[in-house]
Amino acid sequence: MTTTISPNAPFVAYLNALTHQGNRSALMAMRSSLGQRDGIGESAVIHVAGFADPSDAARERSYYLLAGLFALWHTSNTASPGTGKPLGAALRVVKRTDDRLSTILMEELTRARQDHVRSAAHRAVAVLSRERIAVNWLSLADDLTCAPHLWPQRQRRWAYDFHADKRSVWAPPDSTEAQP
């Protein structure tokens, strides 16, 4: 069995290294992307540009979004790399205490087009941060940067993880899913 390493792994490792180093100024710079109309904070460029391919505008915006969301969560929380939950499963934890809010967030995420998911993802991660529920950042990176034709499948996985009981495991309908 071969293991495929996500093309997003180096970027997520870099983000984790920044938090491990306690680099709060980098986190604040990356978080600034969340407040920008185009999703790219000028002060975040130094941290994201080396990983994002400017010839792929959608992927580049996804990297800035991921950096902003990562910074939003980590300015209030700490977690060991690899300890988080995929987005749908993380929101399922919120569902235990606030079913209405978590359901609204999941509906926003699953209805959003890939190029318009920024606001919904921002709201979801803000709630997860407030509740101190760790996110699997590599999983989220892979979701946000997937090829457009795979976006509905990612959204279905979020919904499945959100509604599934803890014994269920997501299996994509087509195991030939390719990374972007």
N, C-alpha and C. Protein backbone atom coordinates (compact mmCIF):
# COMPACT_ATOMS: atom_id res chain seq x y z
N MET A 1 0.84 -1.18 0.00
CA MET A 1 0.00 0.00 0.00
C MET A 1 0.89 1.24 0.00
N THR A 2 0.63 2.15 -0.93
CA THR A 2 1.40 3.37 -0.98
C THR A 2 0.65 4.48 -0.27
N THR A 3 1.42 5.33 0.36
CA THR A 3 0.85 6.46 1.05
C THR A 3 1.14 7.70 0.23
N THR A 4 0.10 8.46 -0.06
CA THR A 4 0.27 9.70 -0.80
C THR A 4 0.37 10.84 0.19
N ILE A 5 1.41 11.64 0.04
CA ILE A 5 1.58 12.80 0.90
C ILE A 5 0.89 13.98 0.24
N SER A 6 0.09 14.67 1.00
CA SER A 6 -0.65 15.81 0.49
C SER A 6 0.31 16.89 0.00
N PRO A 7 -0.01 17.51 -1.13
CA PRO A 7 0.82 18.63 -1.59
C PRO A 7 0.72 19.82 -0.65
N ASN A 8 -0.25 19.80 0.26
CA ASN A 8 -0.43 20.89 1.22
C ASN A 8 0.37 20.67 2.51
N ALA A 9 0.98 19.50 2.66
CA ALA A 9 1.69 19.17 3.90
C ALA A 9 2.81 20.17 4.24
N PRO A 10 3.64 20.60 3.29
CA PRO A 10 4.69 21.57 3.66
C PRO A 10 4.13 22.88 4.21
N PHE A 11 3.04 23.36 3.63
CA PHE A 11 2.44 24.61 4.10
C PHE A 11 1.87 24.43 5.51
N VAL A 12 1.16 23.36 5.74
CA VAL A 12 0.59 23.11 7.07
C VAL A 12 1.71 22.92 8.09
N ALA A 13 2.79 22.25 7.70
CA ALA A 13 3.94 22.08 8.60
C ALA A 13 4.54 23.45 8.95
N TYR A 14 4.61 24.34 7.98
CA TYR A 14 5.11 25.70 8.22
C TYR A 14 4.20 26.42 9.21
N LEU A 15 2.90 26.33 9.02
CA LEU A 15 1.96 26.98 9.94
C LEU A 15 2.13 26.43 11.35
N ASN A 16 2.24 25.11 11.47
CA ASN A 16 2.45 24.50 12.78
C ASN A 16 3.76 24.95 13.41
N ALA A 17 4.79 25.10 12.60
CA ALA A 17 6.09 25.56 13.12
C ALA A 17 5.98 26.98 13.67
N LEU A 18 5.21 27.83 13.01
CA LEU A 18 5.03 29.20 13.50
C LEU A 18 4.39 29.20 14.89
N THR A 19 3.40 28.34 15.11
CA THR A 19 2.77 28.31 16.43
C THR A 19 3.71 27.68 17.46
N HIS A 20 4.46 26.66 17.04
CA HIS A 20 5.41 26.03 17.95
C HIS A 20 6.48 27.05 18.40
N GLN A 21 6.85 27.94 17.50
CA GLN A 21 7.84 28.97 17.81
C GLN A 21 7.23 30.13 18.59
N GLY A 22 5.91 30.14 18.73
CA GLY A 22 5.24 31.22 19.44
C GLY A 22 5.25 32.53 18.66
N ASN A 23 5.24 32.46 17.36
CA ASN A 23 5.33 33.63 16.50
C ASN A 23 3.94 34.27 16.33
N ARG A 24 3.54 35.02 17.35
CA ARG A 24 2.21 35.64 17.33
C ARG A 24 2.10 36.73 16.28
N SER A 25 3.19 37.40 15.97
CA SER A 25 3.11 38.44 14.94
C SER A 25 2.81 37.82 13.57
N ALA A 26 3.36 36.65 13.30
CA ALA A 26 3.06 35.96 12.04
C ALA A 26 1.59 35.55 12.01
N LEU A 27 1.09 35.05 13.15
CA LEU A 27 -0.32 34.66 13.21
C LEU A 27 -1.24 35.85 12.96
N MET A 28 -0.90 36.98 13.55
CA MET A 28 -1.73 38.17 13.36
C MET A 28 -1.66 38.64 11.90
N ALA A 29 -0.49 38.55 11.30
CA ALA A 29 -0.35 38.94 9.90
C ALA A 29 -1.22 38.04 9.01
N MET A 30 -1.19 36.75 9.27
CA MET A 30 -1.98 35.82 8.45
C MET A 30 -3.47 36.01 8.71
N ARG A 31 -3.81 36.31 9.93
CA ARG A 31 -5.22 36.50 10.27
C ARG A 31 -5.80 37.70 9.54
N SER A 32 -4.95 38.66 9.18
CA SER A 32 -5.43 39.85 8.48
C SER A 32 -6.08 39.52 7.14
N SER A 33 -5.75 38.38 6.56
CA SER A 33 -6.35 37.99 5.28
C SER A 33 -7.86 37.80 5.39
N LEU A 34 -8.33 37.43 6.57
CA LEU A 34 -9.77 37.18 6.74
C LEU A 34 -10.60 38.45 6.58
N GLY A 35 -9.99 39.59 6.83
CA GLY A 35 -10.72 40.85 6.74
C GLY A 35 -10.59 41.56 5.41
N GLN A 36 -9.87 40.97 4.47
CA GLN A 36 -9.66 41.61 3.18
C GLN A 36 -10.70 41.18 2.17
N ARG A 37 -11.13 42.11 1.36
CA ARG A 37 -12.16 41.83 0.35
C ARG A 37 -11.71 40.72 -0.61
N ASP A 38 -10.45 40.74 -1.01
CA ASP A 38 -9.95 39.73 -1.95
C ASP A 38 -9.40 38.50 -1.23
N GLY A 39 -9.40 38.55 0.11
CA GLY A 39 -8.93 37.41 0.89
C GLY A 39 -7.43 37.35 1.07
N ILE A 40 -6.71 38.36 0.60
CA ILE A 40 -5.26 38.37 0.70
C ILE A 40 -4.81 39.57 1.51
N GLY A 41 -4.35 39.30 2.73
CA GLY A 41 -3.83 40.36 3.58
C GLY A 41 -2.40 40.68 3.21
N GLU A 42 -2.12 41.95 3.00
CA GLU A 42 -0.78 42.36 2.57
C GLU A 42 0.30 41.86 3.52
N SER A 43 0.04 41.91 4.80
CA SER A 43 1.05 41.46 5.76
C SER A 43 1.18 39.94 5.83
N ALA A 44 0.23 39.22 5.22
CA ALA A 44 0.30 37.76 5.20
C ALA A 44 1.13 37.23 4.04
N VAL A 45 1.37 38.08 3.05
CA VAL A 45 2.06 37.64 1.84
C VAL A 45 3.40 36.98 2.16
N ILE A 46 4.15 37.55 3.08
CA ILE A 46 5.47 37.00 3.42
C ILE A 46 5.39 35.55 3.93
N HIS A 47 4.28 35.19 4.51
CA HIS A 47 4.13 33.85 5.07
C HIS A 47 3.48 32.86 4.10
N VAL A 48 2.77 33.35 3.12
CA VAL A 48 2.00 32.47 2.24
C VAL A 48 2.59 32.39 0.83
N ALA A 49 3.16 33.47 0.34
CA ALA A 49 3.58 33.55 -1.06
C ALA A 49 4.54 32.44 -1.48
N GLY A 50 5.41 32.01 -0.61
CA GLY A 50 6.36 30.96 -0.96
C GLY A 50 5.72 29.60 -1.17
N PHE A 51 4.49 29.43 -0.73
CA PHE A 51 3.78 28.15 -0.85
C PHE A 51 2.69 28.20 -1.91
N ALA A 52 2.11 29.37 -2.11
CA ALA A 52 0.99 29.51 -3.04
C ALA A 52 1.51 29.82 -4.44
N ASP A 53 0.96 29.14 -5.41
CA ASP A 53 1.32 29.34 -6.81
C ASP A 53 0.45 30.45 -7.38
N PRO A 54 1.04 31.63 -7.68
CA PRO A 54 0.22 32.73 -8.18
C PRO A 54 -0.44 32.45 -9.53
N SER A 55 0.04 31.46 -10.25
CA SER A 55 -0.60 31.13 -11.54
C SER A 55 -1.91 30.36 -11.34
N ASP A 56 -2.17 29.89 -10.11
CA ASP A 56 -3.42 29.20 -9.78
C ASP A 56 -4.12 30.06 -8.73
N ALA A 57 -4.89 31.02 -9.20
CA ALA A 57 -5.50 32.02 -8.31
C ALA A 57 -6.41 31.38 -7.26
N ALA A 58 -7.16 30.36 -7.64
CA ALA A 58 -8.08 29.73 -6.68
C ALA A 58 -7.30 29.05 -5.55
N ARG A 59 -6.26 28.34 -5.90
CA ARG A 59 -5.43 27.67 -4.89
C ARG A 59 -4.73 28.70 -4.00
N GLU A 60 -4.26 29.77 -4.62
CA GLU A 60 -3.60 30.83 -3.85
C GLU A 60 -4.56 31.43 -2.83
N ARG A 61 -5.79 31.74 -3.25
CA ARG A 61 -6.79 32.27 -2.31
C ARG A 61 -7.10 31.27 -1.20
N SER A 62 -7.11 29.99 -1.55
CA SER A 62 -7.36 28.95 -0.54
C SER A 62 -6.24 28.92 0.50
N TYR A 63 -5.01 29.14 0.08
CA TYR A 63 -3.90 29.17 1.03
C TYR A 63 -4.00 30.36 1.97
N TYR A 64 -4.38 31.52 1.44
CA TYR A 64 -4.55 32.68 2.30
C TYR A 64 -5.71 32.46 3.27
N LEU A 65 -6.79 31.84 2.78
CA LEU A 65 -7.91 31.52 3.66
C LEU A 65 -7.47 30.56 4.76
N LEU A 66 -6.78 29.50 4.39
CA LEU A 66 -6.32 28.53 5.37
C LEU A 66 -5.41 29.20 6.41
N ALA A 67 -4.48 30.03 5.94
CA ALA A 67 -3.58 30.73 6.86
C ALA A 67 -4.36 31.61 7.83
N GLY A 68 -5.37 32.32 7.32
CA GLY A 68 -6.19 33.17 8.18
C GLY A 68 -6.98 32.37 9.20
N LEU A 69 -7.57 31.27 8.75
CA LEU A 69 -8.35 30.42 9.66
C LEU A 69 -7.45 29.78 10.71
N PHE A 70 -6.29 29.31 10.28
CA PHE A 70 -5.32 28.72 11.20
C PHE A 70 -4.93 29.74 12.27
N ALA A 71 -4.64 30.96 11.82
CA ALA A 71 -4.24 32.01 12.76
C ALA A 71 -5.39 32.38 13.69
N LEU A 72 -6.59 32.45 13.16
CA LEU A 72 -7.76 32.75 13.99
C LEU A 72 -7.88 31.73 15.13
N TRP A 73 -7.77 30.46 14.81
CA TRP A 73 -7.91 29.41 15.82
C TRP A 73 -6.73 29.45 16.80
N HIS A 74 -5.52 29.62 16.29
CA HIS A 74 -4.33 29.51 17.14
C HIS A 74 -4.00 30.77 17.94
N THR A 75 -4.63 31.90 17.68
CA THR A 75 -4.38 33.06 18.53
C THR A 75 -5.05 32.90 19.89
N SER A 76 -6.01 31.98 19.99
CA SER A 76 -6.69 31.74 21.26
C SER A 76 -6.46 30.35 21.83
N ASN A 77 -5.91 29.44 21.05
CA ASN A 77 -5.81 28.04 21.44
C ASN A 77 -4.43 27.47 21.10
N THR A 78 -4.13 26.36 21.73
CA THR A 78 -2.94 25.61 21.36
C THR A 78 -3.35 24.15 21.17
N ALA A 79 -2.70 23.52 20.24
CA ALA A 79 -2.97 22.10 20.00
C ALA A 79 -1.74 21.50 19.35
N SER A 80 -1.53 20.24 19.60
CA SER A 80 -0.43 19.54 18.95
C SER A 80 -0.82 19.25 17.51
N PRO A 81 0.13 19.37 16.59
CA PRO A 81 -0.17 19.06 15.19
C PRO A 81 -0.73 17.64 15.06
N GLY A 82 -1.73 17.51 14.21
CA GLY A 82 -2.31 16.20 13.94
C GLY A 82 -3.36 15.75 14.94
N THR A 83 -3.71 16.60 15.91
CA THR A 83 -4.68 16.18 16.93
C THR A 83 -6.10 16.63 16.64
N GLY A 84 -6.28 17.40 15.60
CA GLY A 84 -7.60 17.95 15.32
C GLY A 84 -8.51 17.02 14.57
N LYS A 85 -9.74 17.49 14.42
CA LYS A 85 -10.77 16.73 13.72
C LYS A 85 -11.04 17.36 12.36
N PRO A 86 -11.45 16.54 11.38
CA PRO A 86 -11.92 17.13 10.12
C PRO A 86 -13.08 18.08 10.41
N LEU A 87 -13.31 19.02 9.52
CA LEU A 87 -14.28 20.09 9.77
C LEU A 87 -15.67 19.59 10.17
N GLY A 88 -16.22 18.64 9.45
CA GLY A 88 -17.55 18.14 9.79
C GLY A 88 -17.60 17.49 11.16
N ALA A 89 -16.58 16.70 11.49
CA ALA A 89 -16.53 16.05 12.80
C ALA A 89 -16.34 17.07 13.92
N ALA A 90 -15.56 18.12 13.65
CA ALA A 90 -15.37 19.16 14.66
C ALA A 90 -16.69 19.87 14.94
N LEU A 91 -17.45 20.17 13.89
CA LEU A 91 -18.75 20.81 14.10
C LEU A 91 -19.74 19.87 14.77
N ARG A 92 -19.56 18.57 14.60
CA ARG A 92 -20.42 17.61 15.29
C ARG A 92 -20.23 17.73 16.81
N VAL A 93 -19.04 18.06 17.25
CA VAL A 93 -18.80 18.26 18.69
C VAL A 93 -19.59 19.48 19.17
N VAL A 94 -19.63 20.54 18.38
CA VAL A 94 -20.41 21.73 18.73
C VAL A 94 -21.90 21.37 18.80
N LYS A 95 -22.32 20.48 17.92
CA LYS A 95 -23.73 20.06 17.84
C LYS A 95 -24.24 19.53 19.17
N ARG A 96 -23.37 18.93 19.95
CA ARG A 96 -23.77 18.36 21.25
C ARG A 96 -24.29 19.41 22.20
N THR A 97 -23.73 20.64 22.08
CA THR A 97 -24.14 21.70 23.00
C THR A 97 -24.97 22.78 22.33
N ASP A 98 -24.87 22.90 21.01
CA ASP A 98 -25.64 23.93 20.30
C ASP A 98 -26.02 23.41 18.93
N ASP A 99 -27.08 22.62 18.90
CA ASP A 99 -27.52 21.99 17.67
C ASP A 99 -27.90 23.01 16.60
N ARG A 100 -28.59 24.06 17.00
CA ARG A 100 -29.06 25.07 16.04
C ARG A 100 -27.89 25.76 15.36
N LEU A 101 -26.93 26.26 16.13
CA LEU A 101 -25.78 26.97 15.56
C LEU A 101 -24.96 26.05 14.67
N SER A 102 -24.67 24.86 15.14
CA SER A 102 -23.84 23.95 14.35
C SER A 102 -24.54 23.56 13.05
N THR A 103 -25.84 23.40 13.09
CA THR A 103 -26.59 23.06 11.88
C THR A 103 -26.57 24.21 10.88
N ILE A 104 -26.72 25.43 11.37
CA ILE A 104 -26.64 26.61 10.49
C ILE A 104 -25.26 26.68 9.83
N LEU A 105 -24.22 26.49 10.62
CA LEU A 105 -22.86 26.54 10.07
C LEU A 105 -22.65 25.46 9.01
N MET A 106 -23.12 24.26 9.29
CA MET A 106 -22.95 23.17 8.32
C MET A 106 -23.73 23.46 7.05
N GLU A 107 -24.93 23.99 7.18
CA GLU A 107 -25.71 24.33 5.99
C GLU A 107 -25.00 25.39 5.16
N GLU A 108 -24.41 26.39 5.81
CA GLU A 108 -23.67 27.43 5.08
C GLU A 108 -22.48 26.81 4.33
N LEU A 109 -21.77 25.92 5.00
CA LEU A 109 -20.60 25.29 4.38
C LEU A 109 -20.98 24.41 3.20
N THR A 110 -22.06 23.68 3.34
CA THR A 110 -22.42 22.74 2.28
C THR A 110 -23.18 23.40 1.13
N ARG A 111 -23.64 24.61 1.32
CA ARG A 111 -24.30 25.34 0.23
C ARG A 111 -23.35 26.28 -0.51
N ALA A 112 -22.23 26.58 0.08
CA ALA A 112 -21.31 27.56 -0.51
C ALA A 112 -20.57 26.99 -1.71
N ARG A 113 -20.45 27.82 -2.72
CA ARG A 113 -19.58 27.44 -3.83
C ARG A 113 -18.15 27.50 -3.32
N GLN A 114 -17.27 26.77 -3.95
CA GLN A 114 -15.89 26.71 -3.49
C GLN A 114 -15.24 28.09 -3.43
N ASP A 115 -15.53 28.92 -4.42
CA ASP A 115 -14.93 30.25 -4.46
C ASP A 115 -15.64 31.26 -3.55
N HIS A 116 -16.68 30.80 -2.83
CA HIS A 116 -17.40 31.67 -1.89
C HIS A 116 -17.53 31.06 -0.50
N VAL A 117 -16.66 30.15 -0.16
CA VAL A 117 -16.76 29.47 1.14
C VAL A 117 -16.09 30.26 2.27
N ARG A 118 -15.38 31.31 1.93
CA ARG A 118 -14.58 32.03 2.93
C ARG A 118 -15.38 32.47 4.15
N SER A 119 -16.53 33.12 3.96
CA SER A 119 -17.31 33.61 5.10
C SER A 119 -17.84 32.47 5.96
N ALA A 120 -18.34 31.43 5.32
CA ALA A 120 -18.86 30.29 6.08
C ALA A 120 -17.75 29.60 6.86
N ALA A 121 -16.60 29.42 6.23
CA ALA A 121 -15.47 28.78 6.91
C ALA A 121 -14.98 29.65 8.07
N HIS A 122 -14.96 30.96 7.86
CA HIS A 122 -14.54 31.89 8.91
C HIS A 122 -15.46 31.76 10.13
N ARG A 123 -16.76 31.77 9.89
CA ARG A 123 -17.71 31.64 11.01
C ARG A 123 -17.56 30.30 11.71
N ALA A 124 -17.39 29.24 10.94
CA ALA A 124 -17.26 27.90 11.54
C ALA A 124 -16.00 27.81 12.40
N VAL A 125 -14.88 28.28 11.90
CA VAL A 125 -13.63 28.19 12.67
C VAL A 125 -13.67 29.13 13.87
N ALA A 126 -14.35 30.26 13.76
CA ALA A 126 -14.49 31.15 14.92
C ALA A 126 -15.22 30.43 16.05
N VAL A 127 -16.28 29.70 15.71
CA VAL A 127 -17.02 28.94 16.73
C VAL A 127 -16.15 27.82 17.28
N LEU A 128 -15.45 27.11 16.42
CA LEU A 128 -14.58 26.02 16.88
C LEU A 128 -13.48 26.57 17.79
N SER A 129 -12.97 27.74 17.47
CA SER A 129 -11.95 28.37 18.31
C SER A 129 -12.52 28.71 19.69
N ARG A 130 -13.70 29.33 19.67
CA ARG A 130 -14.35 29.69 20.93
C ARG A 130 -14.61 28.48 21.81
N GLU A 131 -14.98 27.37 21.17
CA GLU A 131 -15.27 26.13 21.90
C GLU A 131 -14.02 25.29 22.16
N ARG A 132 -12.90 25.75 21.67
CA ARG A 132 -11.60 25.05 21.83
C ARG A 132 -11.62 23.64 21.24
N ILE A 133 -12.21 23.53 20.06
CA ILE A 133 -12.26 22.25 19.35
C ILE A 133 -11.21 22.31 18.25
N ALA A 134 -10.24 21.43 18.33
CA ALA A 134 -9.12 21.43 17.39
C ALA A 134 -9.56 20.97 16.00
N VAL A 135 -8.96 21.58 14.99
CA VAL A 135 -9.24 21.29 13.59
C VAL A 135 -8.05 20.55 12.99
N ASN A 136 -8.32 19.60 12.13
CA ASN A 136 -7.25 18.94 11.37
C ASN A 136 -6.94 19.85 10.19
N TRP A 137 -5.86 20.59 10.29
CA TRP A 137 -5.54 21.62 9.31
C TRP A 137 -5.13 21.03 7.97
N LEU A 138 -4.49 19.90 7.96
CA LEU A 138 -4.12 19.29 6.68
C LEU A 138 -5.38 18.83 5.94
N SER A 139 -6.31 18.26 6.66
CA SER A 139 -7.58 17.85 6.06
C SER A 139 -8.31 19.06 5.49
N LEU A 140 -8.35 20.15 6.25
CA LEU A 140 -9.02 21.35 5.78
C LEU A 140 -8.29 21.94 4.57
N ALA A 141 -6.97 21.91 4.59
CA ALA A 141 -6.20 22.40 3.43
C ALA A 141 -6.55 21.59 2.19
N ASP A 142 -6.60 20.28 2.34
CA ASP A 142 -6.94 19.43 1.20
C ASP A 142 -8.37 19.71 0.71
N ASP A 143 -9.27 19.98 1.64
CA ASP A 143 -10.65 20.30 1.25
C ASP A 143 -10.70 21.63 0.48
N LEU A 144 -10.07 22.65 1.02
CA LEU A 144 -10.16 23.98 0.42
C LEU A 144 -9.46 24.06 -0.93
N THR A 145 -8.43 23.24 -1.14
CA THR A 145 -7.65 23.32 -2.37
C THR A 145 -8.01 22.23 -3.39
N CYS A 146 -9.04 21.48 -3.12
CA CYS A 146 -9.39 20.40 -4.05
C CYS A 146 -9.79 20.96 -5.42
N ALA A 147 -9.70 20.11 -6.41
CA ALA A 147 -10.13 20.49 -7.76
C ALA A 147 -11.62 20.82 -7.72
N PRO A 148 -12.05 21.79 -8.52
CA PRO A 148 -13.46 22.20 -8.49
C PRO A 148 -14.47 21.06 -8.68
N HIS A 149 -14.15 20.09 -9.50
CA HIS A 149 -15.11 18.99 -9.71
C HIS A 149 -15.23 18.09 -8.48
N LEU A 150 -14.27 18.19 -7.54
CA LEU A 150 -14.33 17.39 -6.31
C LEU A 150 -14.98 18.13 -5.14
N TRP A 151 -15.25 19.42 -5.32
CA TRP A 151 -15.81 20.23 -4.23
C TRP A 151 -17.11 19.65 -3.66
N PRO A 152 -18.08 19.25 -4.49
CA PRO A 152 -19.31 18.67 -3.91
C PRO A 152 -19.04 17.43 -3.07
N GLN A 153 -18.06 16.65 -3.45
CA GLN A 153 -17.71 15.46 -2.66
C GLN A 153 -17.15 15.87 -1.30
N ARG A 154 -16.33 16.90 -1.26
CA ARG A 154 -15.78 17.39 0.02
C ARG A 154 -16.92 17.88 0.90
N GLN A 155 -17.85 18.60 0.31
CA GLN A 155 -18.98 19.08 1.10
C GLN A 155 -19.83 17.93 1.62
N ARG A 156 -20.01 16.89 0.82
CA ARG A 156 -20.76 15.71 1.29
C ARG A 156 -20.03 15.05 2.45
N ARG A 157 -18.71 15.00 2.39
CA ARG A 157 -17.95 14.40 3.48
C ARG A 157 -18.13 15.22 4.76
N TRP A 158 -18.09 16.55 4.65
CA TRP A 158 -18.33 17.38 5.83
C TRP A 158 -19.69 17.05 6.42
N ALA A 159 -20.71 17.00 5.57
CA ALA A 159 -22.07 16.72 6.04
C ALA A 159 -22.16 15.32 6.65
N TYR A 160 -21.53 14.36 6.01
CA TYR A 160 -21.55 12.99 6.53
C TYR A 160 -20.89 12.94 7.91
N ASP A 161 -19.71 13.55 8.02
CA ASP A 161 -19.00 13.57 9.31
C ASP A 161 -19.81 14.29 10.37
N PHE A 162 -20.53 15.32 9.98
CA PHE A 162 -21.34 16.10 10.91
C PHE A 162 -22.52 15.28 11.43
N HIS A 163 -23.17 14.54 10.54
CA HIS A 163 -24.37 13.79 10.92
C HIS A 163 -24.09 12.36 11.38
N ALA A 164 -22.91 11.84 11.13
CA ALA A 164 -22.59 10.45 11.44
C ALA A 164 -22.38 10.25 12.94
N ASP A 165 -22.59 9.01 13.38
CA ASP A 165 -22.22 8.71 14.76
C ASP A 165 -20.72 8.41 14.78
N LYS A 166 -20.14 8.31 15.95
CA LYS A 166 -18.69 8.18 16.07
C LYS A 166 -18.14 6.87 15.52
N ARG A 167 -18.98 5.89 15.25
CA ARG A 167 -18.50 4.62 14.70
C ARG A 167 -18.38 4.67 13.18
N SER A 168 -19.02 5.63 12.55
CA SER A 168 -19.02 5.70 11.10
C SER A 168 -17.70 6.25 10.57
N VAL A 169 -17.34 5.78 9.41
CA VAL A 169 -16.12 6.24 8.76
C VAL A 169 -16.47 6.63 7.35
N TRP A 170 -16.01 7.79 6.91
CA TRP A 170 -16.28 8.27 5.57
C TRP A 170 -15.46 7.47 4.57
N ALA A 171 -16.11 7.03 3.53
CA ALA A 171 -15.44 6.39 2.39
C ALA A 171 -15.97 7.06 1.14
N PRO A 172 -15.11 7.69 0.36
CA PRO A 172 -15.60 8.38 -0.83
C PRO A 172 -16.25 7.41 -1.79
N PRO A 173 -17.26 7.86 -2.51
CA PRO A 173 -17.95 6.96 -3.44
C PRO A 173 -17.05 6.46 -4.55
N ASP A 174 -16.04 7.23 -4.90
CA ASP A 174 -15.09 6.81 -5.93
C ASP A 174 -13.70 6.86 -5.33
N SER A 175 -13.07 5.75 -5.09
CA SER A 175 -11.77 5.72 -4.43
C SER A 175 -10.64 6.20 -5.31
N THR A 176 -10.95 6.65 -6.52
CA THR A 176 -9.90 7.14 -7.41
C THR A 176 -9.73 8.65 -7.30
N GLU A 177 -10.24 9.24 -6.25
CA GLU A 177 -10.15 10.68 -6.06
C GLU A 177 -8.68 11.11 -6.15
N ALA A 178 -8.43 12.07 -6.96
CA ALA A 178 -7.07 12.57 -7.14
C ALA A 178 -6.91 13.90 -6.43
N GLN A 179 -5.73 14.13 -5.95
CA GLN A 179 -5.42 15.41 -5.33
C GLN A 179 -5.26 16.45 -6.43
N PRO A 180 -5.51 17.72 -6.11
CA PRO A 180 -5.36 18.77 -7.12
C PRO A 180 -3.92 18.90 -7.55
